[in-house]
Amino acid sequence: MTEQEIKELFARSQALLEGHFLLSSGLHSPRYLQCALVLADPPKAESLGRALAALCPERPDLVLSPAMGGLIIGHEVGRALGVKAYFTEREEGAMTLRRGFALEPGQKVAVIEDVITTGLSSGEVIELVRRLGARPIAALSIFNRSSQAPSIGVPVRSLLKLEIPTYETGSCPLCREGVALVKPGSRKRQQPC
């Protein structure tokens, strides 16, 4: 898929939202990528998964995604690569493997997300992979909306880089204008303007 095809796919799916959003990173933004609206369509999810799998620097033994945002795209990347697709969940604030998922020492793992902003979730998953004795080889995402490449110890590759502004709570112009803050993502955060 070309960058233009991806942009058109998200535009047709009305998946690029405008407003005042609280991101999982704690930052505020005037735009939000609701990848779930695109990934709900299996053929579209499969196409994005194949395109993302092509960015992997080497073939992993499995892919691992942070739930919720990375779950569907991780599954599709796993399908395209012919490997299992596991996901992590937060338990008491920390990324963990549950549901009988386990990593083997030395196993090559690609971390898959829908959107990378600061790299926090991918970094936590990479840390978990290392702690369990496996070897992270890359962090892949549909979108990279960070202003600079996250430094998380592995190559970071994305289908599309978007320049979307983010703001700290104290310097957010949308807060100053009184625009209502919306938290559309999966990670629960309480942070008023």
N, C-alpha and C. Protein backbone atom coordinates (compact mmCIF):
# COMPACT_ATOMS: atom_id res chain seq x y z
N MET A 1 0.84 -1.20 0.00
CA MET A 1 0.00 0.00 0.00
C MET A 1 0.88 1.24 0.00
N THR A 2 0.50 2.21 -0.79
CA THR A 2 1.24 3.47 -0.82
C THR A 2 0.74 4.37 0.32
N GLU A 3 1.52 5.39 0.62
CA GLU A 3 1.11 6.36 1.64
C GLU A 3 -0.22 6.99 1.27
N GLN A 4 -0.38 7.33 0.00
CA GLN A 4 -1.62 7.96 -0.45
C GLN A 4 -2.81 7.02 -0.27
N GLU A 5 -2.63 5.74 -0.59
CA GLU A 5 -3.71 4.76 -0.41
C GLU A 5 -4.10 4.63 1.06
N ILE A 6 -3.11 4.68 1.94
CA ILE A 6 -3.40 4.59 3.38
C ILE A 6 -4.17 5.83 3.83
N LYS A 7 -3.73 7.01 3.41
CA LYS A 7 -4.44 8.25 3.77
C LYS A 7 -5.88 8.21 3.28
N GLU A 8 -6.08 7.77 2.03
CA GLU A 8 -7.43 7.70 1.47
C GLU A 8 -8.30 6.68 2.22
N LEU A 9 -7.70 5.56 2.59
CA LEU A 9 -8.41 4.53 3.34
C LEU A 9 -8.91 5.09 4.67
N PHE A 10 -8.08 5.82 5.37
CA PHE A 10 -8.46 6.40 6.66
C PHE A 10 -9.46 7.54 6.47
N ALA A 11 -9.32 8.31 5.42
CA ALA A 11 -10.28 9.39 5.15
C ALA A 11 -11.66 8.81 4.84
N ARG A 12 -11.72 7.79 3.98
CA ARG A 12 -13.01 7.16 3.64
C ARG A 12 -13.67 6.52 4.86
N SER A 13 -12.86 6.03 5.78
CA SER A 13 -13.38 5.37 6.99
C SER A 13 -13.70 6.38 8.10
N GLN A 14 -13.46 7.65 7.83
CA GLN A 14 -13.64 8.72 8.82
C GLN A 14 -12.89 8.40 10.11
N ALA A 15 -11.65 7.93 9.95
CA ALA A 15 -10.84 7.48 11.07
C ALA A 15 -9.83 8.53 11.56
N LEU A 16 -9.76 9.67 10.88
CA LEU A 16 -8.93 10.77 11.37
C LEU A 16 -9.88 11.79 11.96
N LEU A 17 -9.93 11.81 13.28
CA LEU A 17 -10.90 12.65 14.00
C LEU A 17 -10.29 14.00 14.34
N GLU A 18 -11.13 15.01 14.35
CA GLU A 18 -10.73 16.38 14.71
C GLU A 18 -11.42 16.75 16.01
N GLY A 19 -10.71 17.42 16.90
CA GLY A 19 -11.29 17.84 18.17
C GLY A 19 -10.20 18.15 19.19
N HIS A 20 -10.37 17.68 20.41
CA HIS A 20 -9.42 17.88 21.51
C HIS A 20 -9.32 16.55 22.23
N PHE A 21 -8.20 15.84 22.03
CA PHE A 21 -8.09 14.46 22.49
C PHE A 21 -6.97 14.29 23.50
N LEU A 22 -7.24 13.45 24.49
CA LEU A 22 -6.24 13.03 25.47
C LEU A 22 -5.68 11.71 24.97
N LEU A 23 -4.40 11.71 24.61
CA LEU A 23 -3.75 10.51 24.09
C LEU A 23 -3.30 9.62 25.25
N SER A 24 -3.02 8.37 24.96
CA SER A 24 -2.56 7.43 25.98
C SER A 24 -1.26 7.90 26.64
N SER A 25 -0.48 8.69 25.91
CA SER A 25 0.78 9.23 26.43
C SER A 25 0.55 10.32 27.48
N GLY A 26 -0.69 10.82 27.58
CA GLY A 26 -0.98 11.93 28.47
C GLY A 26 -0.95 13.28 27.76
N LEU A 27 -0.47 13.29 26.52
CA LEU A 27 -0.44 14.52 25.73
C LEU A 27 -1.81 14.81 25.15
N HIS A 28 -2.03 16.06 24.77
CA HIS A 28 -3.27 16.48 24.12
C HIS A 28 -2.99 16.69 22.63
N SER A 29 -4.02 16.51 21.80
CA SER A 29 -3.85 16.68 20.36
C SER A 29 -5.16 17.11 19.72
N PRO A 30 -5.07 17.90 18.63
CA PRO A 30 -6.28 18.29 17.91
C PRO A 30 -6.77 17.21 16.93
N ARG A 31 -5.97 16.15 16.75
CA ARG A 31 -6.36 15.07 15.84
C ARG A 31 -6.10 13.72 16.50
N TYR A 32 -6.95 12.75 16.14
CA TYR A 32 -6.83 11.41 16.70
C TYR A 32 -7.06 10.40 15.59
N LEU A 33 -6.20 9.41 15.51
CA LEU A 33 -6.34 8.33 14.53
C LEU A 33 -7.09 7.18 15.18
N GLN A 34 -8.33 6.99 14.78
CA GLN A 34 -9.16 5.91 15.32
C GLN A 34 -9.01 4.70 14.39
N CYS A 35 -7.87 4.01 14.54
CA CYS A 35 -7.55 2.89 13.64
C CYS A 35 -8.59 1.79 13.71
N ALA A 36 -9.29 1.65 14.82
CA ALA A 36 -10.30 0.60 14.96
C ALA A 36 -11.38 0.71 13.88
N LEU A 37 -11.67 1.93 13.41
CA LEU A 37 -12.67 2.10 12.36
C LEU A 37 -12.23 1.47 11.04
N VAL A 38 -10.94 1.46 10.78
CA VAL A 38 -10.41 0.84 9.57
C VAL A 38 -10.20 -0.66 9.78
N LEU A 39 -9.62 -1.01 10.92
CA LEU A 39 -9.29 -2.40 11.20
C LEU A 39 -10.52 -3.28 11.43
N ALA A 40 -11.69 -2.67 11.61
CA ALA A 40 -12.92 -3.44 11.77
C ALA A 40 -13.32 -4.13 10.46
N ASP A 41 -12.75 -3.68 9.35
CA ASP A 41 -13.03 -4.27 8.04
C ASP A 41 -11.91 -5.27 7.74
N PRO A 42 -12.18 -6.59 7.83
CA PRO A 42 -11.12 -7.59 7.68
C PRO A 42 -10.25 -7.45 6.43
N PRO A 43 -10.81 -7.22 5.22
CA PRO A 43 -9.91 -7.08 4.07
C PRO A 43 -8.96 -5.88 4.19
N LYS A 44 -9.44 -4.78 4.76
CA LYS A 44 -8.58 -3.61 4.95
C LYS A 44 -7.49 -3.91 5.98
N ALA A 45 -7.88 -4.57 7.07
CA ALA A 45 -6.92 -4.95 8.12
C ALA A 45 -5.87 -5.88 7.55
N GLU A 46 -6.30 -6.83 6.71
CA GLU A 46 -5.36 -7.77 6.10
C GLU A 46 -4.37 -7.05 5.20
N SER A 47 -4.84 -6.10 4.40
CA SER A 47 -3.95 -5.33 3.52
C SER A 47 -2.93 -4.54 4.31
N LEU A 48 -3.38 -3.89 5.37
CA LEU A 48 -2.45 -3.13 6.22
C LEU A 48 -1.45 -4.06 6.89
N GLY A 49 -1.91 -5.23 7.33
CA GLY A 49 -1.01 -6.20 7.96
C GLY A 49 0.07 -6.69 7.02
N ARG A 50 -0.30 -6.96 5.77
CA ARG A 50 0.69 -7.39 4.77
C ARG A 50 1.72 -6.28 4.52
N ALA A 51 1.23 -5.06 4.39
CA ALA A 51 2.13 -3.93 4.15
C ALA A 51 3.09 -3.73 5.32
N LEU A 52 2.58 -3.85 6.53
CA LEU A 52 3.41 -3.67 7.72
C LEU A 52 4.41 -4.81 7.87
N ALA A 53 3.99 -6.03 7.57
CA ALA A 53 4.90 -7.19 7.65
C ALA A 53 6.09 -7.00 6.72
N ALA A 54 5.88 -6.35 5.59
CA ALA A 54 6.96 -6.13 4.63
C ALA A 54 8.04 -5.19 5.18
N LEU A 55 7.72 -4.44 6.22
CA LEU A 55 8.70 -3.53 6.83
C LEU A 55 9.60 -4.20 7.86
N CYS A 56 9.28 -5.41 8.25
CA CYS A 56 10.04 -6.10 9.30
C CYS A 56 11.45 -6.39 8.78
N PRO A 57 12.49 -6.00 9.53
CA PRO A 57 13.86 -6.16 9.04
C PRO A 57 14.31 -7.62 8.91
N GLU A 58 13.69 -8.51 9.65
CA GLU A 58 13.95 -9.94 9.53
C GLU A 58 12.71 -10.69 9.99
N ARG A 59 12.61 -11.95 9.63
CA ARG A 59 11.42 -12.71 9.99
C ARG A 59 11.44 -13.04 11.48
N PRO A 60 10.41 -12.62 12.21
CA PRO A 60 10.35 -12.94 13.63
C PRO A 60 9.81 -14.35 13.85
N ASP A 61 9.96 -14.83 15.07
CA ASP A 61 9.35 -16.10 15.46
C ASP A 61 7.90 -15.88 15.88
N LEU A 62 7.60 -14.67 16.33
CA LEU A 62 6.23 -14.29 16.65
C LEU A 62 6.13 -12.79 16.73
N VAL A 63 4.89 -12.29 16.69
CA VAL A 63 4.65 -10.86 16.88
C VAL A 63 3.92 -10.68 18.20
N LEU A 64 4.16 -9.54 18.81
CA LEU A 64 3.58 -9.23 20.12
C LEU A 64 3.09 -7.79 20.09
N SER A 65 1.84 -7.60 20.51
CA SER A 65 1.23 -6.27 20.45
C SER A 65 0.65 -5.88 21.80
N PRO A 66 0.72 -4.59 22.12
CA PRO A 66 0.00 -4.14 23.31
C PRO A 66 -1.49 -4.06 23.01
N ALA A 67 -2.30 -4.64 23.89
CA ALA A 67 -3.76 -4.52 23.73
C ALA A 67 -4.14 -3.12 24.24
N MET A 68 -5.05 -2.51 23.68
CA MET A 68 -6.01 -2.90 22.69
C MET A 68 -5.57 -2.52 21.29
N GLY A 69 -4.98 -1.35 21.14
CA GLY A 69 -4.73 -0.81 19.82
C GLY A 69 -3.94 -1.69 18.88
N GLY A 70 -3.01 -2.46 19.38
CA GLY A 70 -2.19 -3.28 18.51
C GLY A 70 -2.71 -4.67 18.24
N LEU A 71 -3.80 -5.04 18.89
CA LEU A 71 -4.28 -6.41 18.82
C LEU A 71 -4.66 -6.85 17.41
N ILE A 72 -5.51 -6.12 16.74
CA ILE A 72 -5.97 -6.56 15.41
C ILE A 72 -4.84 -6.47 14.38
N ILE A 73 -4.12 -5.35 14.35
CA ILE A 73 -3.05 -5.22 13.36
C ILE A 73 -1.94 -6.21 13.65
N GLY A 74 -1.67 -6.51 14.92
CA GLY A 74 -0.67 -7.53 15.26
C GLY A 74 -1.07 -8.89 14.71
N HIS A 75 -2.35 -9.22 14.85
CA HIS A 75 -2.86 -10.49 14.33
C HIS A 75 -2.65 -10.57 12.81
N GLU A 76 -2.94 -9.47 12.13
CA GLU A 76 -2.81 -9.45 10.67
C GLU A 76 -1.34 -9.51 10.22
N VAL A 77 -0.45 -8.88 10.98
CA VAL A 77 0.97 -8.98 10.66
C VAL A 77 1.44 -10.42 10.89
N GLY A 78 0.99 -11.03 11.98
CA GLY A 78 1.32 -12.43 12.24
C GLY A 78 0.84 -13.33 11.11
N ARG A 79 -0.38 -13.09 10.64
CA ARG A 79 -0.92 -13.87 9.52
C ARG A 79 -0.04 -13.71 8.28
N ALA A 80 0.34 -12.47 7.97
CA ALA A 80 1.15 -12.21 6.78
C ALA A 80 2.53 -12.86 6.87
N LEU A 81 3.08 -12.93 8.07
CA LEU A 81 4.41 -13.51 8.26
C LEU A 81 4.35 -15.01 8.53
N GLY A 82 3.15 -15.54 8.77
CA GLY A 82 3.02 -16.96 9.08
C GLY A 82 3.52 -17.34 10.46
N VAL A 83 3.37 -16.39 11.42
CA VAL A 83 3.80 -16.65 12.80
C VAL A 83 2.65 -16.33 13.76
N LYS A 84 2.78 -16.80 14.99
CA LYS A 84 1.76 -16.53 16.00
C LYS A 84 1.76 -15.05 16.37
N ALA A 85 0.59 -14.59 16.80
CA ALA A 85 0.42 -13.19 17.22
C ALA A 85 -0.12 -13.18 18.64
N TYR A 86 0.74 -12.81 19.58
CA TYR A 86 0.34 -12.70 20.99
C TYR A 86 0.07 -11.22 21.29
N PHE A 87 -0.54 -10.98 22.45
CA PHE A 87 -0.72 -9.60 22.89
C PHE A 87 -0.48 -9.50 24.38
N THR A 88 -0.08 -8.30 24.79
CA THR A 88 0.14 -8.01 26.20
C THR A 88 -1.07 -7.27 26.74
N GLU A 89 -1.19 -7.30 28.06
CA GLU A 89 -2.24 -6.55 28.75
C GLU A 89 -1.60 -5.87 29.95
N ARG A 90 -2.23 -4.79 30.39
CA ARG A 90 -1.75 -4.12 31.59
C ARG A 90 -2.37 -4.79 32.82
N GLU A 91 -1.52 -5.09 33.76
CA GLU A 91 -1.98 -5.65 35.03
C GLU A 91 -1.29 -4.85 36.12
N GLU A 92 -2.09 -4.14 36.90
CA GLU A 92 -1.56 -3.25 37.94
C GLU A 92 -0.55 -2.26 37.34
N GLY A 93 -0.88 -1.75 36.15
CA GLY A 93 -0.07 -0.72 35.51
C GLY A 93 1.12 -1.21 34.71
N ALA A 94 1.38 -2.52 34.71
CA ALA A 94 2.55 -3.05 33.99
C ALA A 94 2.13 -3.98 32.87
N MET A 95 2.86 -3.92 31.76
CA MET A 95 2.61 -4.84 30.65
C MET A 95 2.94 -6.26 31.10
N THR A 96 2.06 -7.18 30.74
CA THR A 96 2.27 -8.57 31.11
C THR A 96 1.68 -9.50 30.05
N LEU A 97 2.14 -10.72 30.06
CA LEU A 97 1.54 -11.76 29.23
C LEU A 97 0.57 -12.53 30.10
N ARG A 98 -0.60 -12.80 29.57
CA ARG A 98 -1.62 -13.57 30.27
C ARG A 98 -2.14 -14.62 29.30
N ARG A 99 -3.22 -15.27 29.65
CA ARG A 99 -3.95 -16.19 28.77
C ARG A 99 -3.12 -17.36 28.27
N GLY A 100 -2.07 -17.73 29.02
CA GLY A 100 -1.22 -18.84 28.62
C GLY A 100 -0.13 -18.48 27.63
N PHE A 101 -0.03 -17.21 27.23
CA PHE A 101 1.04 -16.79 26.33
C PHE A 101 2.38 -16.86 27.06
N ALA A 102 3.41 -17.31 26.38
CA ALA A 102 4.75 -17.36 26.95
C ALA A 102 5.77 -17.18 25.83
N LEU A 103 6.89 -16.59 26.17
CA LEU A 103 7.98 -16.41 25.23
C LEU A 103 9.09 -17.39 25.59
N GLU A 104 9.84 -17.81 24.57
CA GLU A 104 10.96 -18.72 24.77
C GLU A 104 12.26 -17.92 24.71
N PRO A 105 13.27 -18.34 25.48
CA PRO A 105 14.56 -17.65 25.42
C PRO A 105 15.10 -17.60 24.00
N GLY A 106 15.57 -16.42 23.59
CA GLY A 106 16.16 -16.24 22.28
C GLY A 106 15.16 -16.05 21.14
N GLN A 107 13.88 -16.23 21.41
CA GLN A 107 12.86 -16.09 20.38
C GLN A 107 12.88 -14.67 19.82
N LYS A 108 12.81 -14.53 18.48
CA LYS A 108 12.79 -13.22 17.84
C LYS A 108 11.36 -12.70 17.82
N VAL A 109 11.18 -11.46 18.34
CA VAL A 109 9.84 -10.90 18.50
C VAL A 109 9.77 -9.52 17.83
N ALA A 110 8.75 -9.35 16.98
CA ALA A 110 8.45 -8.03 16.41
C ALA A 110 7.28 -7.45 17.19
N VAL A 111 7.42 -6.22 17.65
CA VAL A 111 6.36 -5.54 18.40
C VAL A 111 5.53 -4.72 17.41
N ILE A 112 4.21 -4.91 17.46
CA ILE A 112 3.31 -4.29 16.48
C ILE A 112 2.30 -3.40 17.19
N GLU A 113 2.14 -2.18 16.69
CA GLU A 113 1.14 -1.24 17.22
C GLU A 113 0.37 -0.61 16.07
N ASP A 114 -0.75 0.01 16.41
CA ASP A 114 -1.47 0.77 15.40
C ASP A 114 -0.83 2.14 15.23
N VAL A 115 -0.58 2.84 16.33
CA VAL A 115 -0.02 4.19 16.29
C VAL A 115 1.08 4.33 17.33
N ILE A 116 2.21 4.89 16.95
CA ILE A 116 3.27 5.23 17.90
C ILE A 116 3.28 6.75 18.03
N THR A 117 3.19 7.21 19.27
CA THR A 117 3.32 8.65 19.52
C THR A 117 4.63 8.90 20.25
N THR A 118 4.76 8.41 21.47
CA THR A 118 6.00 8.58 22.23
C THR A 118 6.82 7.30 22.26
N GLY A 119 6.22 6.17 21.90
CA GLY A 119 6.91 4.89 21.97
C GLY A 119 6.78 4.22 23.33
N LEU A 120 5.98 4.81 24.22
CA LEU A 120 5.86 4.29 25.58
C LEU A 120 5.36 2.85 25.60
N SER A 121 4.24 2.57 24.95
CA SER A 121 3.69 1.20 24.97
C SER A 121 4.63 0.21 24.30
N SER A 122 5.15 0.57 23.14
CA SER A 122 6.10 -0.33 22.46
C SER A 122 7.33 -0.56 23.32
N GLY A 123 7.82 0.50 23.95
CA GLY A 123 8.98 0.37 24.83
C GLY A 123 8.72 -0.56 26.00
N GLU A 124 7.51 -0.47 26.58
CA GLU A 124 7.16 -1.36 27.68
C GLU A 124 7.09 -2.82 27.22
N VAL A 125 6.56 -3.04 26.02
CA VAL A 125 6.49 -4.40 25.49
C VAL A 125 7.90 -4.92 25.20
N ILE A 126 8.75 -4.09 24.64
CA ILE A 126 10.14 -4.48 24.36
C ILE A 126 10.86 -4.84 25.66
N GLU A 127 10.64 -4.05 26.70
CA GLU A 127 11.24 -4.33 28.01
C GLU A 127 10.77 -5.68 28.54
N LEU A 128 9.47 -5.98 28.38
CA LEU A 128 8.92 -7.26 28.80
C LEU A 128 9.57 -8.41 28.01
N VAL A 129 9.71 -8.24 26.70
CA VAL A 129 10.33 -9.26 25.85
C VAL A 129 11.74 -9.57 26.35
N ARG A 130 12.51 -8.53 26.61
CA ARG A 130 13.89 -8.73 27.10
C ARG A 130 13.90 -9.40 28.48
N ARG A 131 13.01 -8.95 29.35
CA ARG A 131 12.94 -9.51 30.70
C ARG A 131 12.64 -11.01 30.66
N LEU A 132 11.87 -11.43 29.65
CA LEU A 132 11.50 -12.84 29.53
C LEU A 132 12.52 -13.65 28.72
N GLY A 133 13.64 -13.00 28.32
CA GLY A 133 14.72 -13.71 27.66
C GLY A 133 14.61 -13.82 26.16
N ALA A 134 13.58 -13.23 25.58
CA ALA A 134 13.43 -13.25 24.12
C ALA A 134 14.16 -12.04 23.54
N ARG A 135 14.17 -11.93 22.21
CA ARG A 135 14.94 -10.88 21.54
C ARG A 135 14.04 -10.02 20.66
N PRO A 136 13.78 -8.75 21.07
CA PRO A 136 12.99 -7.86 20.21
C PRO A 136 13.81 -7.45 18.99
N ILE A 137 13.16 -7.47 17.81
CA ILE A 137 13.91 -7.14 16.59
C ILE A 137 13.42 -5.86 15.91
N ALA A 138 12.20 -5.41 16.24
CA ALA A 138 11.67 -4.20 15.60
C ALA A 138 10.38 -3.78 16.28
N ALA A 139 10.05 -2.51 16.14
CA ALA A 139 8.75 -1.96 16.56
C ALA A 139 8.11 -1.40 15.30
N LEU A 140 6.98 -1.98 14.89
CA LEU A 140 6.31 -1.58 13.67
C LEU A 140 4.94 -1.00 13.99
N SER A 141 4.53 0.00 13.23
CA SER A 141 3.21 0.59 13.43
C SER A 141 2.65 1.07 12.10
N ILE A 142 1.33 1.20 12.07
CA ILE A 142 0.70 1.77 10.89
C ILE A 142 1.12 3.23 10.77
N PHE A 143 0.99 3.96 11.88
CA PHE A 143 1.32 5.38 11.91
C PHE A 143 2.38 5.68 12.95
N ASN A 144 3.26 6.62 12.61
CA ASN A 144 4.18 7.21 13.57
C ASN A 144 3.81 8.68 13.62
N ARG A 145 3.28 9.11 14.74
CA ARG A 145 2.89 10.51 14.88
C ARG A 145 3.84 11.26 15.80
N SER A 146 5.01 10.66 16.08
CA SER A 146 5.99 11.31 16.95
C SER A 146 6.76 12.37 16.17
N SER A 147 7.20 13.38 16.87
CA SER A 147 7.98 14.43 16.21
C SER A 147 9.41 13.95 15.95
N GLN A 148 9.88 13.00 16.75
CA GLN A 148 11.19 12.39 16.52
C GLN A 148 11.06 10.90 16.76
N ALA A 149 11.92 10.13 16.14
CA ALA A 149 11.84 8.68 16.27
C ALA A 149 12.04 8.28 17.73
N PRO A 150 11.11 7.49 18.29
CA PRO A 150 11.28 7.04 19.67
C PRO A 150 12.55 6.21 19.82
N SER A 151 13.26 6.42 20.90
CA SER A 151 14.48 5.67 21.18
C SER A 151 14.10 4.51 22.11
N ILE A 152 13.82 3.35 21.50
CA ILE A 152 13.36 2.22 22.29
C ILE A 152 14.22 0.97 22.08
N GLY A 153 15.40 1.16 21.50
CA GLY A 153 16.37 0.08 21.42
C GLY A 153 16.23 -0.88 20.26
N VAL A 154 15.28 -0.65 19.36
CA VAL A 154 15.11 -1.48 18.17
C VAL A 154 14.73 -0.56 17.01
N PRO A 155 14.87 -1.03 15.78
CA PRO A 155 14.41 -0.21 14.65
C PRO A 155 12.90 0.07 14.77
N VAL A 156 12.51 1.31 14.52
CA VAL A 156 11.11 1.72 14.53
C VAL A 156 10.73 2.03 13.09
N ARG A 157 9.74 1.29 12.58
CA ARG A 157 9.31 1.49 11.20
C ARG A 157 7.80 1.60 11.14
N SER A 158 7.32 2.49 10.29
CA SER A 158 5.88 2.73 10.17
C SER A 158 5.50 2.86 8.70
N LEU A 159 4.24 2.54 8.41
CA LEU A 159 3.74 2.71 7.05
C LEU A 159 3.64 4.18 6.68
N LEU A 160 3.34 5.02 7.66
CA LEU A 160 3.12 6.43 7.38
C LEU A 160 3.50 7.27 8.58
N LYS A 161 4.27 8.34 8.33
CA LYS A 161 4.60 9.30 9.38
C LYS A 161 3.71 10.52 9.18
N LEU A 162 3.02 10.91 10.23
CA LEU A 162 2.15 12.07 10.18
C LEU A 162 2.61 13.11 11.19
N GLU A 163 2.65 14.34 10.75
CA GLU A 163 2.98 15.44 11.65
C GLU A 163 1.68 15.95 12.26
N ILE A 164 1.37 15.47 13.43
CA ILE A 164 0.17 15.90 14.15
C ILE A 164 0.63 16.49 15.47
N PRO A 165 0.31 17.75 15.74
CA PRO A 165 0.82 18.38 16.96
C PRO A 165 0.29 17.72 18.23
N THR A 166 1.14 17.75 19.25
CA THR A 166 0.74 17.30 20.59
C THR A 166 1.17 18.39 21.57
N TYR A 167 0.45 18.42 22.69
CA TYR A 167 0.72 19.46 23.69
C TYR A 167 0.69 18.87 25.09
N GLU A 168 1.54 19.40 25.94
CA GLU A 168 1.45 19.10 27.37
C GLU A 168 0.21 19.81 27.88
N THR A 169 -0.37 19.29 28.94
CA THR A 169 -1.59 19.87 29.49
C THR A 169 -1.45 21.37 29.75
N GLY A 170 -0.37 21.79 30.33
CA GLY A 170 -0.18 23.19 30.69
C GLY A 170 0.00 24.13 29.52
N SER A 171 0.34 23.60 28.35
CA SER A 171 0.57 24.47 27.20
C SER A 171 -0.39 24.18 26.04
N CYS A 172 -1.50 23.52 26.33
CA CYS A 172 -2.44 23.14 25.29
C CYS A 172 -3.36 24.31 24.92
N PRO A 173 -3.30 24.76 23.64
CA PRO A 173 -4.17 25.87 23.24
C PRO A 173 -5.65 25.48 23.25
N LEU A 174 -5.95 24.21 23.06
CA LEU A 174 -7.35 23.76 23.09
C LEU A 174 -7.92 23.85 24.49
N CYS A 175 -7.09 23.57 25.50
CA CYS A 175 -7.53 23.74 26.90
C CYS A 175 -7.83 25.21 27.17
N ARG A 176 -6.93 26.09 26.71
CA ARG A 176 -7.13 27.53 26.93
C ARG A 176 -8.40 28.03 26.26
N GLU A 177 -8.74 27.42 25.10
CA GLU A 177 -9.96 27.83 24.38
C GLU A 177 -11.22 27.19 24.98
N GLY A 178 -11.05 26.27 25.93
CA GLY A 178 -12.20 25.63 26.57
C GLY A 178 -12.83 24.51 25.75
N VAL A 179 -12.10 23.98 24.77
CA VAL A 179 -12.62 22.87 23.95
C VAL A 179 -12.67 21.61 24.81
N ALA A 180 -13.80 20.93 24.81
CA ALA A 180 -13.98 19.74 25.64
C ALA A 180 -12.94 18.68 25.29
N LEU A 181 -12.36 18.07 26.31
CA LEU A 181 -11.34 17.04 26.16
C LEU A 181 -12.00 15.66 26.08
N VAL A 182 -11.60 14.86 25.09
CA VAL A 182 -12.15 13.52 24.88
C VAL A 182 -11.02 12.51 24.98
N LYS A 183 -11.27 11.39 25.66
CA LYS A 183 -10.29 10.30 25.77
C LYS A 183 -10.81 9.11 24.99
N PRO A 184 -10.43 8.99 23.68
CA PRO A 184 -10.98 7.93 22.85
C PRO A 184 -10.22 6.60 22.93
N GLY A 185 -9.01 6.57 23.44
CA GLY A 185 -8.21 5.35 23.41
C GLY A 185 -8.59 4.34 24.48
N SER A 186 -7.77 3.30 24.60
CA SER A 186 -8.09 2.20 25.50
C SER A 186 -7.47 2.34 26.88
N ARG A 187 -6.39 3.08 27.01
CA ARG A 187 -5.74 3.19 28.31
C ARG A 187 -6.45 4.24 29.15
N LYS A 188 -6.86 3.86 30.33
CA LYS A 188 -7.61 4.77 31.20
C LYS A 188 -6.66 5.78 31.83
N ARG A 189 -7.02 7.05 31.69
CA ARG A 189 -6.27 8.16 32.29
C ARG A 189 -7.25 9.19 32.78
N GLN A 190 -6.99 9.74 33.90
CA GLN A 190 -7.78 10.85 34.41
C GLN A 190 -6.88 12.06 34.41
N GLN A 191 -7.16 12.99 33.55
CA GLN A 191 -6.33 14.18 33.45
C GLN A 191 -7.18 15.33 32.93
N PRO A 192 -7.64 16.18 33.82
CA PRO A 192 -8.44 17.33 33.35
C PRO A 192 -7.54 18.39 32.74
N CYS A 193 -8.16 19.30 32.00
CA CYS A 193 -7.41 20.45 31.45
C CYS A 193 -6.98 21.35 32.58
